[in-house]
């Protein structure tokens, strides 16, 4: 998911505050808990994300939810600020960007891998090591299966594509043979 410029700014601001307070993992957890509440209560999400109700009412409801979840003042204040700025609607993007920043600070990157068949533990570990060697960071895999690849896998890490699929190799071979080389 590509985040908007505004979502990136808000996530960077929250990350900076969290980092200064040595609370990056705490804030990450708070955002995850709030996301679970929003996902589990679509009516609450709709009421808070849409400015149909006055901002003060939405702030009070959100403050009560934050207190019930035991979220600290930094996170409660951040959510109030998002309501005031009419940016709560960008929560999912802000959270995703915060996650990306936290992962990068921890030397971790995520790789989206599409494989022709499910990967066993040894294959996952080998692929993680290979991608880590190429990127210089620890890599966490998010694996999907696409039988149309025929064999092999395609990995996307930080918008860089590593295509080791049999389908691509066959296309490249066909192109080479059709050019007569």
Protein backbone atom coordinates (compact mmCIF):
# COMPACT_ATOMS: atom_id res chain seq x y z
CA UNK A 1 0.00 0.00 0.00
CA UNK A 2 1.43 3.34 -1.05
CA UNK A 3 0.66 6.06 1.47
CA UNK A 4 -0.26 9.64 0.73
CA UNK A 5 2.14 12.47 1.48
CA UNK A 6 -0.03 13.57 4.40
CA UNK A 7 -0.10 10.06 5.88
CA UNK A 8 3.69 9.86 5.60
CA UNK A 9 4.07 13.23 7.38
CA UNK A 10 1.78 12.21 10.24
CA UNK A 11 3.46 8.80 10.58
CA UNK A 12 6.92 10.42 10.62
CA UNK A 13 5.79 12.86 13.31
CA UNK A 14 4.37 10.07 15.48
CA UNK A 15 7.46 7.93 14.87
CA UNK A 16 9.72 10.81 15.91
CA UNK A 17 7.78 11.33 19.14
CA UNK A 18 7.75 7.59 19.85
CA UNK A 19 11.47 7.24 19.12
CA UNK A 20 12.36 10.15 21.41
CA UNK A 21 10.39 8.47 24.21
CA UNK A 22 11.84 4.99 23.46
CA UNK A 23 8.30 3.86 22.81
CA UNK A 24 8.27 2.76 19.16
CA UNK A 25 7.16 -0.79 19.95
CA UNK A 26 4.58 0.47 22.44
CA UNK A 27 3.07 2.81 19.84
CA UNK A 28 3.20 0.05 17.21
CA UNK A 29 1.22 -2.17 19.55
CA UNK A 30 -1.26 0.61 20.34
CA UNK A 31 -1.89 1.24 16.65
CA UNK A 32 -2.41 -2.49 16.08
CA UNK A 33 -4.91 -2.69 18.96
CA UNK A 34 -6.79 0.33 17.64
CA UNK A 35 -6.83 -1.16 14.13
CA UNK A 36 -8.32 -4.36 15.57
CA UNK A 37 -11.05 -2.31 17.26
CA UNK A 38 -11.80 -0.44 14.04
CA UNK A 39 -11.87 -3.70 12.07
CA UNK A 40 -14.10 -5.38 14.63
CA UNK A 41 -16.50 -2.45 15.01
CA UNK A 42 -17.34 -1.06 11.55
CA UNK A 43 -20.04 1.22 13.00
CA UNK A 44 -17.52 2.81 15.36
CA UNK A 45 -15.06 3.23 12.51
CA UNK A 46 -17.70 4.86 10.36
CA UNK A 47 -18.82 7.21 13.14
CA UNK A 48 -15.27 8.31 13.96
CA UNK A 49 -13.85 8.52 10.45
CA UNK A 50 -16.67 10.56 8.93
CA UNK A 51 -17.20 14.12 10.15
CA UNK A 52 -20.97 13.65 10.57
CA UNK A 53 -20.64 14.18 14.32
CA UNK A 54 -18.93 17.16 15.94
CA UNK A 55 -15.19 16.79 16.46
CA UNK A 56 -15.58 17.14 20.23
CA UNK A 57 -17.94 14.14 20.35
CA UNK A 58 -15.64 12.05 18.20
CA UNK A 59 -12.64 13.02 20.36
CA UNK A 60 -14.53 12.00 23.52
CA UNK A 61 -15.52 8.63 22.05
CA UNK A 62 -11.99 7.99 20.80
CA UNK A 63 -10.51 9.04 24.17
CA UNK A 64 -12.83 6.54 25.93
CA UNK A 65 -11.80 3.76 23.52
CA UNK A 66 -8.11 4.59 24.04
CA UNK A 67 -8.53 4.54 27.83
CA UNK A 68 -10.41 1.24 27.68
CA UNK A 69 -7.50 -0.22 25.67
CA UNK A 70 -4.97 1.27 28.10
CA UNK A 71 -3.26 3.39 25.44
CA UNK A 72 -0.89 6.05 26.68
CA UNK A 73 -1.38 9.82 26.46
CA UNK A 74 0.86 10.16 23.40
CA UNK A 75 -1.37 7.88 21.33
CA UNK A 76 -4.59 9.41 22.73
CA UNK A 77 -3.33 12.90 21.88
CA UNK A 78 -2.27 11.78 18.42
CA UNK A 79 -5.75 10.44 17.69
CA UNK A 80 -7.33 13.67 18.95
CA UNK A 81 -4.99 15.60 16.70
CA UNK A 82 -5.98 13.44 13.72
CA UNK A 83 -9.64 14.23 14.40
CA UNK A 84 -8.91 17.95 14.65
CA UNK A 85 -7.00 17.85 11.38
CA UNK A 86 -9.66 15.68 9.69
CA UNK A 87 -7.03 13.01 9.01
CA UNK A 88 -8.36 10.08 11.03
CA UNK A 89 -9.66 8.76 7.72
CA UNK A 90 -5.99 8.16 6.78
CA UNK A 91 -5.41 5.96 9.85
CA UNK A 92 -4.69 2.79 7.86
CA UNK A 93 -2.13 4.58 5.70
CA UNK A 94 -0.55 6.27 8.72
CA UNK A 95 -0.31 2.96 10.54
CA UNK A 96 1.25 1.22 7.52
CA UNK A 97 3.82 4.00 7.16
CA UNK A 98 4.58 3.92 10.91
CA UNK A 99 5.14 0.15 10.61
CA UNK A 100 7.49 0.71 7.68
CA UNK A 101 9.47 3.34 9.61
CA UNK A 102 9.68 1.13 12.70
CA UNK A 103 10.85 -1.83 10.62
CA UNK A 104 13.46 0.28 8.83
CA UNK A 105 14.78 1.62 12.15
CA UNK A 106 15.09 -1.97 13.37
CA UNK A 107 16.97 -2.99 10.19
CA UNK A 108 14.05 -5.06 8.92
CA UNK A 109 12.38 -4.97 5.55
CA UNK A 110 9.42 -6.90 4.22
CA UNK A 111 9.52 -8.85 0.98
CA UNK A 112 6.36 -9.76 -0.91
CA UNK A 113 7.07 -13.14 -2.46
CA UNK A 114 4.89 -14.86 -5.00
CA UNK A 115 5.84 -18.52 -5.44
CA UNK A 116 4.57 -21.23 -7.74
CA UNK A 117 3.96 -23.53 -4.75
CA UNK A 118 3.96 -23.15 -0.96
CA UNK A 119 7.45 -22.73 0.49
CA UNK A 120 8.69 -25.09 3.17
CA UNK A 121 10.71 -23.79 6.13
CA UNK A 122 14.08 -24.50 4.48
CA UNK A 123 13.07 -22.67 1.29
CA UNK A 124 11.77 -19.70 3.28
CA UNK A 125 14.99 -19.51 5.29
CA UNK A 126 17.17 -19.77 2.17
CA UNK A 127 15.16 -17.06 0.42
CA UNK A 128 15.30 -14.79 3.50
CA UNK A 129 19.10 -15.20 3.65
CA UNK A 130 19.52 -14.50 -0.08
CA UNK A 131 17.35 -11.38 0.04
CA UNK A 132 19.06 -10.21 3.23
CA UNK A 133 22.43 -10.52 1.48
CA UNK A 134 21.13 -8.44 -1.45
CA UNK A 135 19.48 -5.74 0.69
CA UNK A 136 21.83 -5.60 3.67
CA UNK A 137 18.88 -5.90 6.08
CA UNK A 138 16.93 -8.63 7.78
CA UNK A 139 14.03 -9.70 5.59
CA UNK A 140 10.57 -10.86 6.61
CA UNK A 141 8.65 -12.73 3.92
CA UNK A 142 4.99 -12.33 3.03
CA UNK A 143 4.34 -15.30 0.75
CA UNK A 144 1.51 -15.80 -1.74
CA UNK A 145 1.10 -18.72 -4.13
CA UNK A 146 0.47 -18.30 -7.87
CA UNK A 147 0.55 -21.59 -9.82
CA UNK A 148 0.72 -19.61 -13.09
CA UNK A 149 4.41 -18.98 -12.36
CA UNK A 150 5.03 -22.65 -13.26
CA UNK A 151 8.08 -22.74 -10.97
CA UNK A 152 10.35 -20.45 -8.97
CA UNK A 153 9.35 -17.20 -7.26
CA UNK A 154 9.14 -13.44 -7.64
CA UNK A 155 10.16 -11.24 -4.71
CA UNK A 156 9.50 -7.53 -4.32
CA UNK A 157 11.66 -5.74 -1.74
CA UNK A 158 11.43 -1.96 -1.41
CA UNK A 159 10.00 -1.69 -4.93
CA UNK A 160 12.85 -3.76 -6.41
CA UNK A 161 11.73 -6.91 -8.21
CA UNK A 162 13.77 -10.11 -8.06
CA UNK A 163 12.19 -12.40 -10.64
CA UNK A 164 13.33 -16.00 -10.47
CA UNK A 165 10.17 -17.47 -11.94
CA UNK A 166 10.29 -20.18 -14.56
CA UNK A 167 7.65 -18.28 -16.58
CA UNK A 168 9.97 -15.26 -16.91
CA UNK A 169 12.94 -17.44 -17.73
CA UNK A 170 10.95 -19.14 -20.49
CA UNK A 171 9.86 -15.75 -21.89
CA UNK A 172 13.47 -14.56 -21.89
CA UNK A 173 14.60 -17.75 -23.64
CA UNK A 174 11.85 -17.35 -26.25
CA UNK A 175 12.87 -13.73 -26.87
CA UNK A 176 16.52 -14.70 -27.20
CA UNK A 177 15.73 -17.50 -29.65
CA UNK A 178 13.39 -15.29 -31.70
CA UNK A 179 16.20 -12.71 -32.10
CA UNK A 180 18.55 -15.41 -33.29
CA UNK A 181 21.18 -15.01 -30.57
